[in-house]
C-alpha atoms as a PDB file:
ATOM      1  CA  UNK A   1      -0.027  -0.078   0.000  1.00  0.00           C
ATOM      2  CA  UNK A   2       1.207   3.403  -0.697  1.00  0.00           C
ATOM      3  CA  UNK A   3      -0.143   6.992  -1.230  1.00  0.00           C
ATOM      4  CA  UNK A   4       0.284   8.273  -4.685  1.00  0.00           C
ATOM      5  CA  UNK A   5      -2.115  11.231  -4.533  1.00  0.00           C
ATOM      6  CA  UNK A   6      -1.503  13.813  -7.280  1.00  0.00           C
ATOM      7  CA  UNK A   7      -4.084  16.690  -7.207  1.00  0.00           C
ATOM      8  CA  UNK A   8      -4.385  16.992 -10.985  1.00  0.00           C
ATOM      9  CA  UNK A   9      -4.964  13.320 -11.530  1.00  0.00           C
ATOM     10  CA  UNK A  10      -7.343  13.135  -8.622  1.00  0.00           C
ATOM     11  CA  UNK A  11      -9.393  15.965  -9.773  1.00  0.00           C
ATOM     12  CA  UNK A  12      -9.591  14.372 -13.320  1.00  0.00           C
ATOM     13  CA  UNK A  13     -10.646  11.189 -11.986  1.00  0.00           C
ATOM     14  CA  UNK A  14     -13.356  12.715  -9.811  1.00  0.00           C
ATOM     15  CA  UNK A  15     -14.637  14.733 -12.869  1.00  0.00           C
ATOM     16  CA  UNK A  16     -14.872  11.506 -14.913  1.00  0.00           C
ATOM     17  CA  UNK A  17     -16.681   9.782 -11.963  1.00  0.00           C
ATOM     18  CA  UNK A  18     -19.098  12.819 -11.740  1.00  0.00           C
ATOM     19  CA  UNK A  19     -19.841  12.180 -15.411  1.00  0.00           C
ATOM     20  CA  UNK A  20     -20.096   8.625 -15.090  1.00  0.00           C
ATOM     21  CA  UNK A  21     -22.653   9.056 -12.225  1.00  0.00           C
ATOM     22  CA  UNK A  22     -24.669  11.571 -14.197  1.00  0.00           C
ATOM     23  CA  UNK A  23     -24.973   9.661 -17.378  1.00  0.00           C
ATOM     24  CA  UNK A  24     -24.744   6.010 -16.330  1.00  0.00           C
ATOM     25  CA  UNK A  25     -28.320   4.817 -17.105  1.00  0.00           C
ATOM     26  CA  UNK A  26     -28.692   1.176 -15.954  1.00  0.00           C
ATOM     27  CA  UNK A  27     -25.922   0.033 -13.709  1.00  0.00           C
ATOM     28  CA  UNK A  28     -24.883  -2.448 -11.146  1.00  0.00           C
ATOM     29  CA  UNK A  29     -25.672  -1.536  -7.475  1.00  0.00           C
ATOM     30  CA  UNK A  30     -23.456  -2.124  -4.472  1.00  0.00           C
ATOM     31  CA  UNK A  31     -24.269  -2.456  -0.695  1.00  0.00           C
ATOM     32  CA  UNK A  32     -27.209  -4.941  -0.026  1.00  0.00           C
ATOM     33  CA  UNK A  33     -27.971  -5.077  -3.652  1.00  0.00           C
ATOM     34  CA  UNK A  34     -24.707  -6.604  -4.617  1.00  0.00           C
ATOM     35  CA  UNK A  35     -25.541 -10.105  -3.581  1.00  0.00           C
ATOM     36  CA  UNK A  36     -28.896  -9.868  -5.416  1.00  0.00           C
ATOM     37  CA  UNK A  37     -27.105  -8.865  -8.531  1.00  0.00           C
ATOM     38  CA  UNK A  38     -29.517  -5.922  -8.568  1.00  0.00           C
ATOM     39  CA  UNK A  39     -29.107  -3.632 -11.672  1.00  0.00           C
ATOM     40  CA  UNK A  40     -31.195  -0.291 -11.804  1.00  0.00           C
ATOM     41  CA  UNK A  41     -31.459   2.887 -13.825  1.00  0.00           C
ATOM     42  CA  UNK A  42     -33.211   4.508 -11.025  1.00  0.00           C
ATOM     43  CA  UNK A  43     -30.993   7.444  -9.793  1.00  0.00           C
ATOM     44  CA  UNK A  44     -32.671   7.648  -6.463  1.00  0.00           C
ATOM     45  CA  UNK A  45     -31.744   3.989  -5.926  1.00  0.00           C
ATOM     46  CA  UNK A  46     -28.233   4.424  -7.173  1.00  0.00           C
ATOM     47  CA  UNK A  47     -27.607   7.315  -4.824  1.00  0.00           C
ATOM     48  CA  UNK A  48     -29.002   5.298  -2.026  1.00  0.00           C
ATOM     49  CA  UNK A  49     -27.049   2.035  -1.997  1.00  0.00           C
ATOM     50  CA  UNK A  50     -24.066   2.967  -4.377  1.00  0.00           C
ATOM     51  CA  UNK A  51     -23.347   2.208  -7.982  1.00  0.00           C
ATOM     52  CA  UNK A  52     -20.436   0.654  -9.972  1.00  0.00           C
ATOM     53  CA  UNK A  53     -19.401   0.962 -13.486  1.00  0.00           C
ATOM     54  CA  UNK A  54     -18.042  -2.827 -13.465  1.00  0.00           C
ATOM     55  CA  UNK A  55     -20.786  -4.237 -15.596  1.00  0.00           C
ATOM     56  CA  UNK A  56     -21.419  -1.252 -17.919  1.00  0.00           C
ATOM     57  CA  UNK A  57     -17.848  -0.831 -19.437  1.00  0.00           C
ATOM     58  CA  UNK A  58     -14.322  -1.434 -19.139  1.00  0.00           C
ATOM     59  CA  UNK A  59     -12.969   2.016 -18.645  1.00  0.00           C
ATOM     60  CA  UNK A  60      -9.495   0.903 -20.218  1.00  0.00           C
ATOM     61  CA  UNK A  61     -11.491   1.083 -23.589  1.00  0.00           C
ATOM     62  CA  UNK A  62     -12.822   4.717 -22.741  1.00  0.00           C
ATOM     63  CA  UNK A  63     -10.459   7.360 -24.228  1.00  0.00           C
ATOM     64  CA  UNK A  64     -10.983   9.870 -21.335  1.00  0.00           C
ATOM     65  CA  UNK A  65      -9.730   7.340 -18.851  1.00  0.00           C
ATOM     66  CA  UNK A  66      -6.586   6.384 -20.709  1.00  0.00           C
ATOM     67  CA  UNK A  67      -4.408   8.878 -18.932  1.00  0.00           C
ATOM     68  CA  UNK A  68      -5.729   7.684 -15.690  1.00  0.00           C
ATOM     69  CA  UNK A  69      -4.999   4.056 -16.650  1.00  0.00           C
ATOM     70  CA  UNK A  70      -1.391   5.062 -17.510  1.00  0.00           C
ATOM     71  CA  UNK A  71      -0.941   6.881 -14.280  1.00  0.00           C
ATOM     72  CA  UNK A  72      -2.170   3.837 -12.153  1.00  0.00           C
ATOM     73  CA  UNK A  73       0.331   1.633 -14.191  1.00  0.00           C
ATOM     74  CA  UNK A  74       3.074   3.847 -13.411  1.00  0.00           C
ATOM     75  CA  UNK A  75       2.160   4.109  -9.892  1.00  0.00           C
ATOM     76  CA  UNK A  76       1.560   0.266  -9.608  1.00  0.00           C
ATOM     77  CA  UNK A  77       4.906  -0.752 -11.172  1.00  0.00           C
ATOM     78  CA  UNK A  78       6.687   1.886  -9.008  1.00  0.00           C
ATOM     79  CA  UNK A  79       5.136   0.275  -5.875  1.00  0.00           C
ATOM     80  CA  UNK A  80       6.163  -3.269  -6.642  1.00  0.00           C
ATOM     81  CA  UNK A  81       9.665  -2.651  -8.384  1.00  0.00           C
ATOM     82  CA  UNK A  82      11.677  -3.946  -5.402  1.00  0.00           C
ATOM     83  CA  UNK A  83       9.594  -7.172  -5.088  1.00  0.00           C
ATOM     84  CA  UNK A  84       8.565  -8.294  -8.463  1.00  0.00           C
ATOM     85  CA  UNK A  85      10.500  -8.119 -11.806  1.00  0.00           C
ATOM     86  CA  UNK A  86       7.170  -7.744 -14.059  1.00  0.00           C
ATOM     87  CA  UNK A  87       5.495  -4.865 -15.778  1.00  0.00           C
ATOM     88  CA  UNK A  88       1.885  -4.563 -14.758  1.00  0.00           C
ATOM     89  CA  UNK A  89      -0.587  -3.690 -17.480  1.00  0.00           C
ATOM     90  CA  UNK A  90      -4.324  -2.804 -16.435  1.00  0.00           C
ATOM     91  CA  UNK A  91      -6.639  -5.307 -18.298  1.00  0.00           C
ATOM     92  CA  UNK A  92     -10.021  -3.966 -16.912  1.00  0.00           C
ATOM     93  CA  UNK A  93     -10.919  -1.029 -14.639  1.00  0.00           C
ATOM     94  CA  UNK A  94     -14.047   0.177 -13.233  1.00  0.00           C
ATOM     95  CA  UNK A  95     -15.256   3.052 -10.676  1.00  0.00           C
ATOM     96  CA  UNK A  96     -17.564   2.459  -7.664  1.00  0.00           C
ATOM     97  CA  UNK A  97     -19.244   5.252  -5.534  1.00  0.00           C
ATOM     98  CA  UNK A  98     -20.410   4.174  -2.112  1.00  0.00           C
ATOM     99  CA  UNK A  99     -22.696   6.636  -0.195  1.00  0.00           C
ATOM    100  CA  UNK A 100     -23.443   6.532   3.363  1.00  0.00           C
ATOM    101  CA  UNK A 101     -24.121   3.030   4.673  1.00  0.00           C
ATOM    102  CA  UNK A 102     -22.842   1.436   1.411  1.00  0.00           C
ATOM    103  CA  UNK A 103     -20.357  -1.209   1.339  1.00  0.00           C
ATOM    104  CA  UNK A 104     -19.231  -4.286  -0.785  1.00  0.00           C
ATOM    105  CA  UNK A 105     -19.684  -7.798   0.278  1.00  0.00           C
ATOM    106  CA  UNK A 106     -16.908 -10.278   0.253  1.00  0.00           C
ATOM    107  CA  UNK A 107     -15.561 -11.046  -3.167  1.00  0.00           C
ATOM    108  CA  UNK A 108     -12.453 -12.055  -5.197  1.00  0.00           C
ATOM    109  CA  UNK A 109     -11.313 -11.048  -8.724  1.00  0.00           C
ATOM    110  CA  UNK A 110     -11.541 -14.383 -10.487  1.00  0.00           C
ATOM    111  CA  UNK A 111      -9.446 -14.974 -13.480  1.00  0.00           C
ATOM    112  CA  UNK A 112      -6.611 -12.528 -12.555  1.00  0.00           C
ATOM    113  CA  UNK A 113      -3.426 -12.833 -10.341  1.00  0.00           C
ATOM    114  CA  UNK A 114      -3.208  -9.366  -9.141  1.00  0.00           C
ATOM    115  CA  UNK A 115      -5.536  -6.380  -8.543  1.00  0.00           C
ATOM    116  CA  UNK A 116      -5.623  -3.031  -7.341  1.00  0.00           C
ATOM    117  CA  UNK A 117      -7.810  -0.248  -5.897  1.00  0.00           C
ATOM    118  CA  UNK A 118      -7.163   3.516  -5.806  1.00  0.00           C
ATOM    119  CA  UNK A 119      -9.036   5.714  -3.425  1.00  0.00           C
ATOM    120  CA  UNK A 120     -10.111   8.944  -5.148  1.00  0.00           C
ATOM    121  CA  UNK A 121     -12.149  10.221  -2.310  1.00  0.00           C
ATOM    122  CA  UNK A 122     -11.641   8.591   1.103  1.00  0.00           C
ATOM    123  CA  UNK A 123     -11.972   9.953   4.532  1.00  0.00           C
ATOM    124  CA  UNK A 124     -12.007   8.797   8.183  1.00  0.00           C
ATOM    125  CA  UNK A 125     -14.991   6.485   8.749  1.00  0.00           C
ATOM    126  CA  UNK A 126     -15.546   5.961   4.937  1.00  0.00           C
ATOM    127  CA  UNK A 127     -15.347   2.136   5.314  1.00  0.00           C
ATOM    128  CA  UNK A 128     -12.109   0.276   5.923  1.00  0.00           C
ATOM    129  CA  UNK A 129     -11.040  -2.537   3.457  1.00  0.00           C
ATOM    130  CA  UNK A 130     -10.837  -6.073   4.815  1.00  0.00           C
ATOM    131  CA  UNK A 131      -8.631  -9.025   3.443  1.00  0.00           C
ATOM    132  CA  UNK A 132      -9.913 -12.429   4.563  1.00  0.00           C
ATOM    133  CA  UNK A 133      -7.578 -15.448   4.769  1.00  0.00           C
ATOM    134  CA  UNK A 134      -9.386 -17.767   2.374  1.00  0.00           C
ATOM    135  CA  UNK A 135      -7.915 -20.893   4.322  1.00  0.00           C
ATOM    136  CA  UNK A 136      -8.411 -19.805   7.906  1.00  0.00           C
ATOM    137  CA  UNK A 137     -10.691 -22.695   8.839  1.00  0.00           C
ATOM    138  CA  UNK A 138      -8.108 -25.278   7.606  1.00  0.00           C
ATOM    139  CA  UNK A 139      -5.159 -23.400   9.101  1.00  0.00           C
ATOM    140  CA  UNK A 140      -6.758 -23.158  12.404  1.00  0.00           C
ATOM    141  CA  UNK A 141      -7.637 -26.760  12.512  1.00  0.00           C
ATOM    142  CA  UNK A 142      -4.009 -27.773  11.548  1.00  0.00           C
ATOM    143  CA  UNK A 143      -2.126 -24.797  13.428  1.00  0.00           C
ATOM    144  CA  UNK A 144      -4.351 -24.689  16.345  1.00  0.00           C
ATOM    145  CA  UNK A 145      -5.241 -20.958  15.721  1.00  0.00           C
ATOM    146  CA  UNK A 146      -1.348 -20.031  14.878  1.00  0.00           C
ATOM    147  CA  UNK A 147      -0.342 -17.311  12.411  1.00  0.00           C
ATOM    148  CA  UNK A 148      -1.899 -17.608   9.019  1.00  0.00           C
ATOM    149  CA  UNK A 149      -0.612 -16.546   5.633  1.00  0.00           C
ATOM    150  CA  UNK A 150      -0.456 -13.886   4.185  1.00  0.00           C
ATOM    151  CA  UNK A 151      -1.539 -12.062   7.120  1.00  0.00           C
ATOM    152  CA  UNK A 152      -1.442 -12.698  10.954  1.00  0.00           C
ATOM    153  CA  UNK A 153      -4.875 -13.752  12.314  1.00  0.00           C
ATOM    154  CA  UNK A 154      -7.742 -14.188   9.773  1.00  0.00           C
ATOM    155  CA  UNK A 155      -8.106 -10.764   8.326  1.00  0.00           C
ATOM    156  CA  UNK A 156      -6.251  -7.658   7.586  1.00  0.00           C
ATOM    157  CA  UNK A 157      -7.962  -4.302   7.920  1.00  0.00           C
ATOM    158  CA  UNK A 158      -6.747  -1.106   6.201  1.00  0.00           C
ATOM    159  CA  UNK A 159      -8.387   2.414   6.572  1.00  0.00           C
ATOM    160  CA  UNK A 160      -7.993   4.079   3.226  1.00  0.00           C
ATOM    161  CA  UNK A 161      -7.361   7.879   2.754  1.00  0.00           C
ATOM    162  CA  UNK A 162      -7.444   9.757  -0.514  1.00  0.00           C
ATOM    163  CA  UNK A 163      -4.797   8.824  -2.827  1.00  0.00           C
ATOM    164  CA  UNK A 164      -4.111   5.348  -1.368  1.00  0.00           C
ATOM    165  CA  UNK A 165      -3.327   2.759  -3.759  1.00  0.00           C
ATOM    166  CA  UNK A 166      -3.585  -1.010  -2.683  1.00  0.00           C
ATOM    167  CA  UNK A 167      -2.322  -3.811  -4.612  1.00  0.00           C
ATOM    168  CA  UNK A 168      -3.380  -7.342  -3.656  1.00  0.00           C
ATOM    169  CA  UNK A 169      -3.659 -11.005  -4.992  1.00  0.00           C
ATOM    170  CA  UNK A 170      -6.843 -11.282  -6.881  1.00  0.00           C
ATOM    171  CA  UNK A 171      -7.622 -14.549  -5.091  1.00  0.00           C
ATOM    172  CA  UNK A 172      -7.685 -12.873  -1.714  1.00  0.00           C
ATOM    173  CA  UNK A 173     -11.235 -12.451  -0.455  1.00  0.00           C
ATOM    174  CA  UNK A 174     -11.904  -8.861   0.492  1.00  0.00           C
ATOM    175  CA  UNK A 175     -14.813  -6.696   1.443  1.00  0.00           C
ATOM    176  CA  UNK A 176     -15.505  -3.162   2.772  1.00  0.00           C
ATOM    177  CA  UNK A 177     -17.079  -1.906   5.927  1.00  0.00           C
ATOM    178  CA  UNK A 178     -20.145   0.386   5.380  1.00  0.00           C
ATOM    179  CA  UNK A 179     -19.360   4.000   4.854  1.00  0.00           C
ATOM    180  CA  UNK A 180     -20.145   5.790   8.059  1.00  0.00           C
ATOM    181  CA  UNK A 181     -20.058   9.278   6.896  1.00  0.00           C
ATOM    182  CA  UNK A 182     -22.405  11.443   4.669  1.00  0.00           C
ATOM    183  CA  UNK A 183     -19.870  11.833   2.076  1.00  0.00           C
ATOM    184  CA  UNK A 184     -19.228   9.302  -0.785  1.00  0.00           C
ATOM    185  CA  UNK A 185     -16.232   7.075  -0.881  1.00  0.00           C
ATOM    186  CA  UNK A 186     -15.032   6.862  -4.523  1.00  0.00           C
ATOM    187  CA  UNK A 187     -12.537   4.239  -5.720  1.00  0.00           C
ATOM    188  CA  UNK A 188     -11.262   2.874  -8.987  1.00  0.00           C
ATOM    189  CA  UNK A 189     -10.592  -0.783  -9.225  1.00  0.00           C
ATOM    190  CA  UNK A 190      -8.511  -2.691 -11.851  1.00  0.00           C
ATOM    191  CA  UNK A 191      -7.207  -6.074 -12.497  1.00  0.00           C
ATOM    192  CA  UNK A 192      -3.535  -6.618 -14.121  1.00  0.00           C
ATOM    193  CA  UNK A 193      -1.963  -8.855 -16.655  1.00  0.00           C
ATOM    194  CA  UNK A 194       1.605  -9.080 -16.984  1.00  0.00           C
ATOM    195  CA  UNK A 195       3.058  -7.312 -19.905  1.00  0.00           C
ATOM    196  CA  UNK A 196       6.441  -6.963 -21.714  1.00  0.00           C
END
């Protein structure tokens, strides 16, 4: 995890998200609607539970998002350079807006090895991200409740702030806590492939 806040880039992201929110039409919802796979064009419902562009389009294919994609790739490759000798390329990207009380239930990013999330708007109480050890039951049975991998215990909790970039294994189950503020939490998520 690192903070890569850049005012100009962050302002561009928030402008693009504002455009998305105003023009989205029918879109997938988050919060309690996530598990029901609810899709709605109702702006009131979208504002109430939260909305994601995940099912609408791959932002990688939207020309206005190309500079953002390149910035994320640069920051991500910088963040991992001392640990991995690979070139991360974003394969798909989406934005999600979490209003008050909104969250996302536990999930993984199937079909990928590495994923990331950038917090374009995050503040204290906006909902921590939780990473869950997928093998905690087996490990607790075998290890008697000892340390688990990749984290100590069965979950790792991070309190995001604007500009934070978190890269994580796509197979690692994760969720977010509800946004306990009256301001939206805005993220951009992405999955990587390894390029040349």
